[in-house]
Amino acid sequence: ISRDNAKNTVYLQMNSLKSEDTAV
């Protein structure tokens, strides 16, 4: 997780994804 306060944005970088990560 990371954020850029200048852009009012938060990010979630997801690597090595698994089937159990499937979700909203």
PDB file of all heavy atoms in Angstrom:
ATOM      1  N   ILE A   1       0.858  -1.187   0.000  1.00  0.00           N
ATOM      2  CA  ILE A   1       0.000   0.000   0.000  1.00  0.00           C
ATOM      3  C   ILE A   1       0.894   1.237   0.000  1.00  0.00           C
ATOM      4  O   ILE A   1       1.952   1.256   0.645  1.00  0.00           O
ATOM      5  CB  ILE A   1      -0.958   0.000   1.207  1.00  0.00           C
ATOM      6  CG1 ILE A   1      -2.002   1.107   1.077  1.00  0.00           C
ATOM      7  CG2 ILE A   1      -0.210   0.089   2.532  1.00  0.00           C
ATOM      8  CD1 ILE A   1      -3.130   1.020   2.120  1.00  0.00           C
ATOM      9  N   SER A   2       0.478   2.248  -0.732  1.00  0.00           N
ATOM     10  CA  SER A   2       1.205   3.508  -0.753  1.00  0.00           C
ATOM     11  C   SER A   2       0.225   4.631  -1.026  1.00  0.00           C
ATOM     12  O   SER A   2      -0.931   4.381  -1.388  1.00  0.00           O
ATOM     13  CB  SER A   2       2.311   3.479  -1.818  1.00  0.00           C
ATOM     14  OG  SER A   2       1.761   3.321  -3.105  1.00  0.00           O
ATOM     15  N   ARG A   3       0.686   5.831  -0.833  1.00  0.00           N
ATOM     16  CA  ARG A   3      -0.199   6.985  -1.062  1.00  0.00           C
ATOM     17  C   ARG A   3       0.611   8.148  -1.607  1.00  0.00           C
ATOM     18  O   ARG A   3       1.799   8.296  -1.309  1.00  0.00           O
ATOM     19  CB  ARG A   3      -0.926   7.389   0.218  1.00  0.00           C
ATOM     20  CG  ARG A   3      -0.054   7.866   1.346  1.00  0.00           C
ATOM     21  CD  ARG A   3      -0.854   8.002   2.642  1.00  0.00           C
ATOM     22  NE  ARG A   3      -1.866   9.044   2.533  1.00  0.00           N
ATOM     23  CZ  ARG A   3      -2.927   9.107   3.344  1.00  0.00           C
ATOM     24  NH1 ARG A   3      -3.120   8.205   4.294  1.00  0.00           N
ATOM     25  NH2 ARG A   3      -3.824  10.089   3.198  1.00  0.00           N
ATOM     26  N   ASP A   4      -0.080   8.974  -2.366  1.00  0.00           N
ATOM     27  CA  ASP A   4       0.492  10.213  -2.891  1.00  0.00           C
ATOM     28  C   ASP A   4      -0.448  11.331  -2.452  1.00  0.00           C
ATOM     29  O   ASP A   4      -1.513  11.530  -3.061  1.00  0.00           O
ATOM     30  CB  ASP A   4       0.606  10.134  -4.417  1.00  0.00           C
ATOM     31  CG  ASP A   4       1.295  11.343  -5.005  1.00  0.00           C
ATOM     32  OD1 ASP A   4       1.317  12.404  -4.352  1.00  0.00           O
ATOM     33  OD2 ASP A   4       1.781  11.242  -6.139  1.00  0.00           O
ATOM     34  N   ASN A   5      -0.070  12.025  -1.402  1.00  0.00           N
ATOM     35  CA  ASN A   5      -0.963  13.052  -0.862  1.00  0.00           C
ATOM     36  C   ASN A   5      -1.140  14.238  -1.801  1.00  0.00           C
ATOM     37  O   ASN A   5      -2.145  14.938  -1.735  1.00  0.00           O
ATOM     38  CB  ASN A   5      -0.457  13.509   0.507  1.00  0.00           C
ATOM     39  CG  ASN A   5      -0.708  12.473   1.587  1.00  0.00           C
ATOM     40  OD1 ASN A   5      -1.483  11.518   1.404  1.00  0.00           O
ATOM     41  ND2 ASN A   5      -0.045  12.615   2.728  1.00  0.00           N
ATOM     42  N   ALA A   6      -0.178  14.446  -2.685  1.00  0.00           N
ATOM     43  CA  ALA A   6      -0.312  15.530  -3.661  1.00  0.00           C
ATOM     44  C   ALA A   6      -1.385  15.209  -4.697  1.00  0.00           C
ATOM     45  O   ALA A   6      -1.948  16.117  -5.315  1.00  0.00           O
ATOM     46  CB  ALA A   6       1.021  15.780  -4.347  1.00  0.00           C
ATOM     47  N   LYS A   7      -1.654  13.931  -4.883  1.00  0.00           N
ATOM     48  CA  LYS A   7      -2.649  13.505  -5.862  1.00  0.00           C
ATOM     49  C   LYS A   7      -3.921  12.976  -5.224  1.00  0.00           C
ATOM     50  O   LYS A   7      -4.797  12.463  -5.918  1.00  0.00           O
ATOM     51  CB  LYS A   7      -2.053  12.428  -6.777  1.00  0.00           C
ATOM     52  CG  LYS A   7      -0.893  12.907  -7.631  1.00  0.00           C
ATOM     53  CD  LYS A   7      -0.380  11.800  -8.543  1.00  0.00           C
ATOM     54  CE  LYS A   7       0.736  12.311  -9.444  1.00  0.00           C
ATOM     55  NZ  LYS A   7       1.250  11.233 -10.337  1.00  0.00           N
ATOM     56  N   ASN A   8      -4.002  13.051  -3.899  1.00  0.00           N
ATOM     57  CA  ASN A   8      -5.187  12.534  -3.181  1.00  0.00           C
ATOM     58  C   ASN A   8      -5.474  11.088  -3.563  1.00  0.00           C
ATOM     59  O   ASN A   8      -6.646  10.689  -3.709  1.00  0.00           O
ATOM     60  CB  ASN A   8      -6.426  13.389  -3.463  1.00  0.00           C
ATOM     61  CG  ASN A   8      -6.394  14.720  -2.734  1.00  0.00           C
ATOM     62  OD1 ASN A   8      -5.394  15.061  -2.104  1.00  0.00           O
ATOM     63  ND2 ASN A   8      -7.460  15.466  -2.822  1.00  0.00           N
ATOM     64  N   THR A   9      -4.439  10.300  -3.679  1.00  0.00           N
ATOM     65  CA  THR A   9      -4.580   8.941  -4.198  1.00  0.00           C
ATOM     66  C   THR A   9      -3.861   7.937  -3.303  1.00  0.00           C
ATOM     67  O   THR A   9      -2.748   8.197  -2.838  1.00  0.00           O
ATOM     68  CB  THR A   9      -4.026   8.849  -5.621  1.00  0.00           C
ATOM     69  OG1 THR A   9      -4.710   9.786  -6.455  1.00  0.00           O
ATOM     70  CG2 THR A   9      -4.215   7.449  -6.197  1.00  0.00           C
ATOM     71  N   VAL A  10      -4.528   6.809  -3.100  1.00  0.00           N
ATOM     72  CA  VAL A  10      -3.902   5.681  -2.421  1.00  0.00           C
ATOM     73  C   VAL A  10      -3.855   4.519  -3.418  1.00  0.00           C
ATOM     74  O   VAL A  10      -4.754   4.357  -4.239  1.00  0.00           O
ATOM     75  CB  VAL A  10      -4.665   5.298  -1.133  1.00  0.00           C
ATOM     76  CG1 VAL A  10      -6.084   4.863  -1.426  1.00  0.00           C
ATOM     77  CG2 VAL A  10      -3.918   4.231  -0.355  1.00  0.00           C
ATOM     78  N   TYR A  11      -2.792   3.746  -3.328  1.00  0.00           N
ATOM     79  CA  TYR A  11      -2.551   2.648  -4.267  1.00  0.00           C
ATOM     80  C   TYR A  11      -2.453   1.320  -3.520  1.00  0.00           C
ATOM     81  O   TYR A  11      -2.103   1.273  -2.343  1.00  0.00           O
ATOM     82  CB  TYR A  11      -1.245   2.873  -5.025  1.00  0.00           C
ATOM     83  CG  TYR A  11      -1.170   4.174  -5.765  1.00  0.00           C
ATOM     84  CD1 TYR A  11      -0.508   5.269  -5.209  1.00  0.00           C
ATOM     85  CD2 TYR A  11      -1.744   4.319  -7.024  1.00  0.00           C
ATOM     86  CE1 TYR A  11      -0.426   6.481  -5.878  1.00  0.00           C
ATOM     87  CE2 TYR A  11      -1.670   5.524  -7.705  1.00  0.00           C
ATOM     88  CZ  TYR A  11      -1.008   6.597  -7.129  1.00  0.00           C
ATOM     89  OH  TYR A  11      -0.934   7.795  -7.794  1.00  0.00           O
ATOM     90  N   LEU A  12      -2.725   0.258  -4.243  1.00  0.00           N
ATOM     91  CA  LEU A  12      -2.462  -1.084  -3.748  1.00  0.00           C
ATOM     92  C   LEU A  12      -1.797  -1.869  -4.868  1.00  0.00           C
ATOM     93  O   LEU A  12      -2.444  -2.217  -5.859  1.00  0.00           O
ATOM     94  CB  LEU A  12      -3.744  -1.778  -3.290  1.00  0.00           C
ATOM     95  CG  LEU A  12      -3.530  -3.130  -2.610  1.00  0.00           C
ATOM     96  CD1 LEU A  12      -2.828  -2.948  -1.259  1.00  0.00           C
ATOM     97  CD2 LEU A  12      -4.856  -3.874  -2.416  1.00  0.00           C
ATOM     98  N   GLN A  13      -0.500  -2.076  -4.722  1.00  0.00           N
ATOM     99  CA  GLN A  13       0.248  -2.897  -5.675  1.00  0.00           C
ATOM    100  C   GLN A  13       0.114  -4.345  -5.252  1.00  0.00           C
ATOM    101  O   GLN A  13       0.493  -4.699  -4.129  1.00  0.00           O
ATOM    102  CB  GLN A  13       1.711  -2.485  -5.707  1.00  0.00           C
ATOM    103  CG  GLN A  13       2.569  -3.323  -6.641  1.00  0.00           C
ATOM    104  CD  GLN A  13       2.222  -3.150  -8.108  1.00  0.00           C
ATOM    105  OE1 GLN A  13       1.998  -2.024  -8.559  1.00  0.00           O
ATOM    106  NE2 GLN A  13       2.143  -4.252  -8.843  1.00  0.00           N
ATOM    107  N   MET A  14      -0.417  -5.169  -6.138  1.00  0.00           N
ATOM    108  CA  MET A  14      -0.672  -6.573  -5.827  1.00  0.00           C
ATOM    109  C   MET A  14       0.159  -7.444  -6.749  1.00  0.00           C
ATOM    110  O   MET A  14      -0.035  -7.429  -7.967  1.00  0.00           O
ATOM    111  CB  MET A  14      -2.164  -6.886  -5.986  1.00  0.00           C
ATOM    112  CG  MET A  14      -3.062  -5.960  -5.181  1.00  0.00           C
ATOM    113  SD  MET A  14      -4.796  -6.458  -5.235  1.00  0.00           S
ATOM    114  CE  MET A  14      -5.146  -6.221  -6.973  1.00  0.00           C
ATOM    115  N   ASN A  15       1.087  -8.184  -6.169  1.00  0.00           N
ATOM    116  CA  ASN A  15       1.962  -9.079  -6.926  1.00  0.00           C
ATOM    117  C   ASN A  15       1.697 -10.528  -6.514  1.00  0.00           C
ATOM    118  O   ASN A  15       1.081 -10.791  -5.473  1.00  0.00           O
ATOM    119  CB  ASN A  15       3.422  -8.729  -6.664  1.00  0.00           C
ATOM    120  CG  ASN A  15       3.781  -7.333  -7.105  1.00  0.00           C
ATOM    121  OD1 ASN A  15       3.210  -6.793  -8.057  1.00  0.00           O
ATOM    122  ND2 ASN A  15       4.737  -6.723  -6.412  1.00  0.00           N
ATOM    123  N   SER A  16       2.170 -11.445  -7.331  1.00  0.00           N
ATOM    124  CA  SER A  16       2.029 -12.882  -7.044  1.00  0.00           C
ATOM    125  C   SER A  16       0.592 -13.232  -6.672  1.00  0.00           C
ATOM    126  O   SER A  16       0.327 -13.913  -5.681  1.00  0.00           O
ATOM    127  CB  SER A  16       2.969 -13.292  -5.904  1.00  0.00           C
ATOM    128  OG  SER A  16       4.310 -12.980  -6.228  1.00  0.00           O
ATOM    129  N   LEU A  17      -0.315 -12.765  -7.492  1.00  0.00           N
ATOM    130  CA  LEU A  17      -1.733 -12.936  -7.185  1.00  0.00           C
ATOM    131  C   LEU A  17      -2.137 -14.403  -7.212  1.00  0.00           C
ATOM    132  O   LEU A  17      -1.633 -15.194  -8.020  1.00  0.00           O
ATOM    133  CB  LEU A  17      -2.585 -12.115  -8.149  1.00  0.00           C
ATOM    134  CG  LEU A  17      -2.611 -10.620  -7.821  1.00  0.00           C
ATOM    135  CD1 LEU A  17      -3.059  -9.806  -9.023  1.00  0.00           C
ATOM    136  CD2 LEU A  17      -3.537 -10.354  -6.640  1.00  0.00           C
ATOM    137  N   LYS A  18      -3.072 -14.721  -6.320  1.00  0.00           N
ATOM    138  CA  LYS A  18      -3.596 -16.076  -6.187  1.00  0.00           C
ATOM    139  C   LYS A  18      -5.106 -16.060  -6.434  1.00  0.00           C
ATOM    140  O   LYS A  18      -5.753 -15.016  -6.315  1.00  0.00           O
ATOM    141  CB  LYS A  18      -3.330 -16.601  -4.780  1.00  0.00           C
ATOM    142  CG  LYS A  18      -1.877 -16.539  -4.338  1.00  0.00           C
ATOM    143  CD  LYS A  18      -1.726 -16.975  -2.892  1.00  0.00           C
ATOM    144  CE  LYS A  18      -0.293 -16.893  -2.421  1.00  0.00           C
ATOM    145  NZ  LYS A  18      -0.147 -17.304  -1.004  1.00  0.00           N
ATOM    146  N   SER A  19      -5.648 -17.219  -6.702  1.00  0.00           N
ATOM    147  CA  SER A  19      -7.085 -17.297  -6.955  1.00  0.00           C
ATOM    148  C   SER A  19      -7.881 -16.797  -5.744  1.00  0.00           C
ATOM    149  O   SER A  19      -8.943 -16.198  -5.896  1.00  0.00           O
ATOM    150  CB  SER A  19      -7.492 -18.722  -7.311  1.00  0.00           C
ATOM    151  OG  SER A  19      -7.132 -19.620  -6.273  1.00  0.00           O
ATOM    152  N   GLU A  20      -7.345 -17.029  -4.555  1.00  0.00           N
ATOM    153  CA  GLU A  20      -8.052 -16.590  -3.347  1.00  0.00           C
ATOM    154  C   GLU A  20      -8.023 -15.081  -3.132  1.00  0.00           C
ATOM    155  O   GLU A  20      -8.657 -14.569  -2.213  1.00  0.00           O
ATOM    156  CB  GLU A  20      -7.511 -17.299  -2.097  1.00  0.00           C
ATOM    157  CG  GLU A  20      -6.010 -17.244  -1.942  1.00  0.00           C
ATOM    158  CD  GLU A  20      -5.334 -18.503  -2.454  1.00  0.00           C
ATOM    159  OE1 GLU A  20      -5.689 -18.989  -3.551  1.00  0.00           O
ATOM    160  OE2 GLU A  20      -4.414 -19.000  -1.748  1.00  0.00           O
ATOM    161  N   ASP A  21      -7.297 -14.367  -3.974  1.00  0.00           N
ATOM    162  CA  ASP A  21      -7.329 -12.898  -3.923  1.00  0.00           C
ATOM    163  C   ASP A  21      -8.514 -12.333  -4.710  1.00  0.00           C
ATOM    164  O   ASP A  21      -8.756 -11.122  -4.663  1.00  0.00           O
ATOM    165  CB  ASP A  21      -6.036 -12.309  -4.489  1.00  0.00           C
ATOM    166  CG  ASP A  21      -4.812 -12.657  -3.660  1.00  0.00           C
ATOM    167  OD1 ASP A  21      -4.888 -12.604  -2.426  1.00  0.00           O
ATOM    168  OD2 ASP A  21      -3.771 -13.001  -4.273  1.00  0.00           O
ATOM    169  N   THR A  22      -9.222 -13.191  -5.414  1.00  0.00           N
ATOM    170  CA  THR A  22     -10.388 -12.752  -6.161  1.00  0.00           C
ATOM    171  C   THR A  22     -11.431 -12.158  -5.222  1.00  0.00           C
ATOM    172  O   THR A  22     -11.828 -12.787  -4.241  1.00  0.00           O
ATOM    173  CB  THR A  22     -11.005 -13.931  -6.935  1.00  0.00           C
ATOM    174  OG1 THR A  22     -10.076 -14.375  -7.922  1.00  0.00           O
ATOM    175  CG2 THR A  22     -12.309 -13.523  -7.615  1.00  0.00           C
ATOM    176  N   ALA A  23     -11.831 -10.925  -5.493  1.00  0.00           N
ATOM    177  CA  ALA A  23     -12.767 -10.210  -4.614  1.00  0.00           C
ATOM    178  C   ALA A  23     -13.064  -8.852  -5.226  1.00  0.00           C
ATOM    179  O   ALA A  23     -12.416  -8.436  -6.191  1.00  0.00           O
ATOM    180  CB  ALA A  23     -12.162 -10.020  -3.220  1.00  0.00           C
ATOM    181  N   VAL A  24     -14.022  -8.173  -4.639  1.00  0.00           N
ATOM    182  CA  VAL A  24     -14.209  -6.754  -4.906  1.00  0.00           C
ATOM    183  C   VAL A  24     -13.378  -6.000  -3.873  1.00  0.00           C
ATOM    184  O   VAL A  24     -13.482  -6.266  -2.669  1.00  0.00           O
ATOM    185  CB  VAL A  24     -15.689  -6.328  -4.809  1.00  0.00           C
ATOM    186  CG1 VAL A  24     -15.820  -4.831  -5.052  1.00  0.00           C
ATOM    187  CG2 VAL A  24     -16.523  -7.123  -5.808  1.00  0.00           C
TER     188      VAL A  24
END
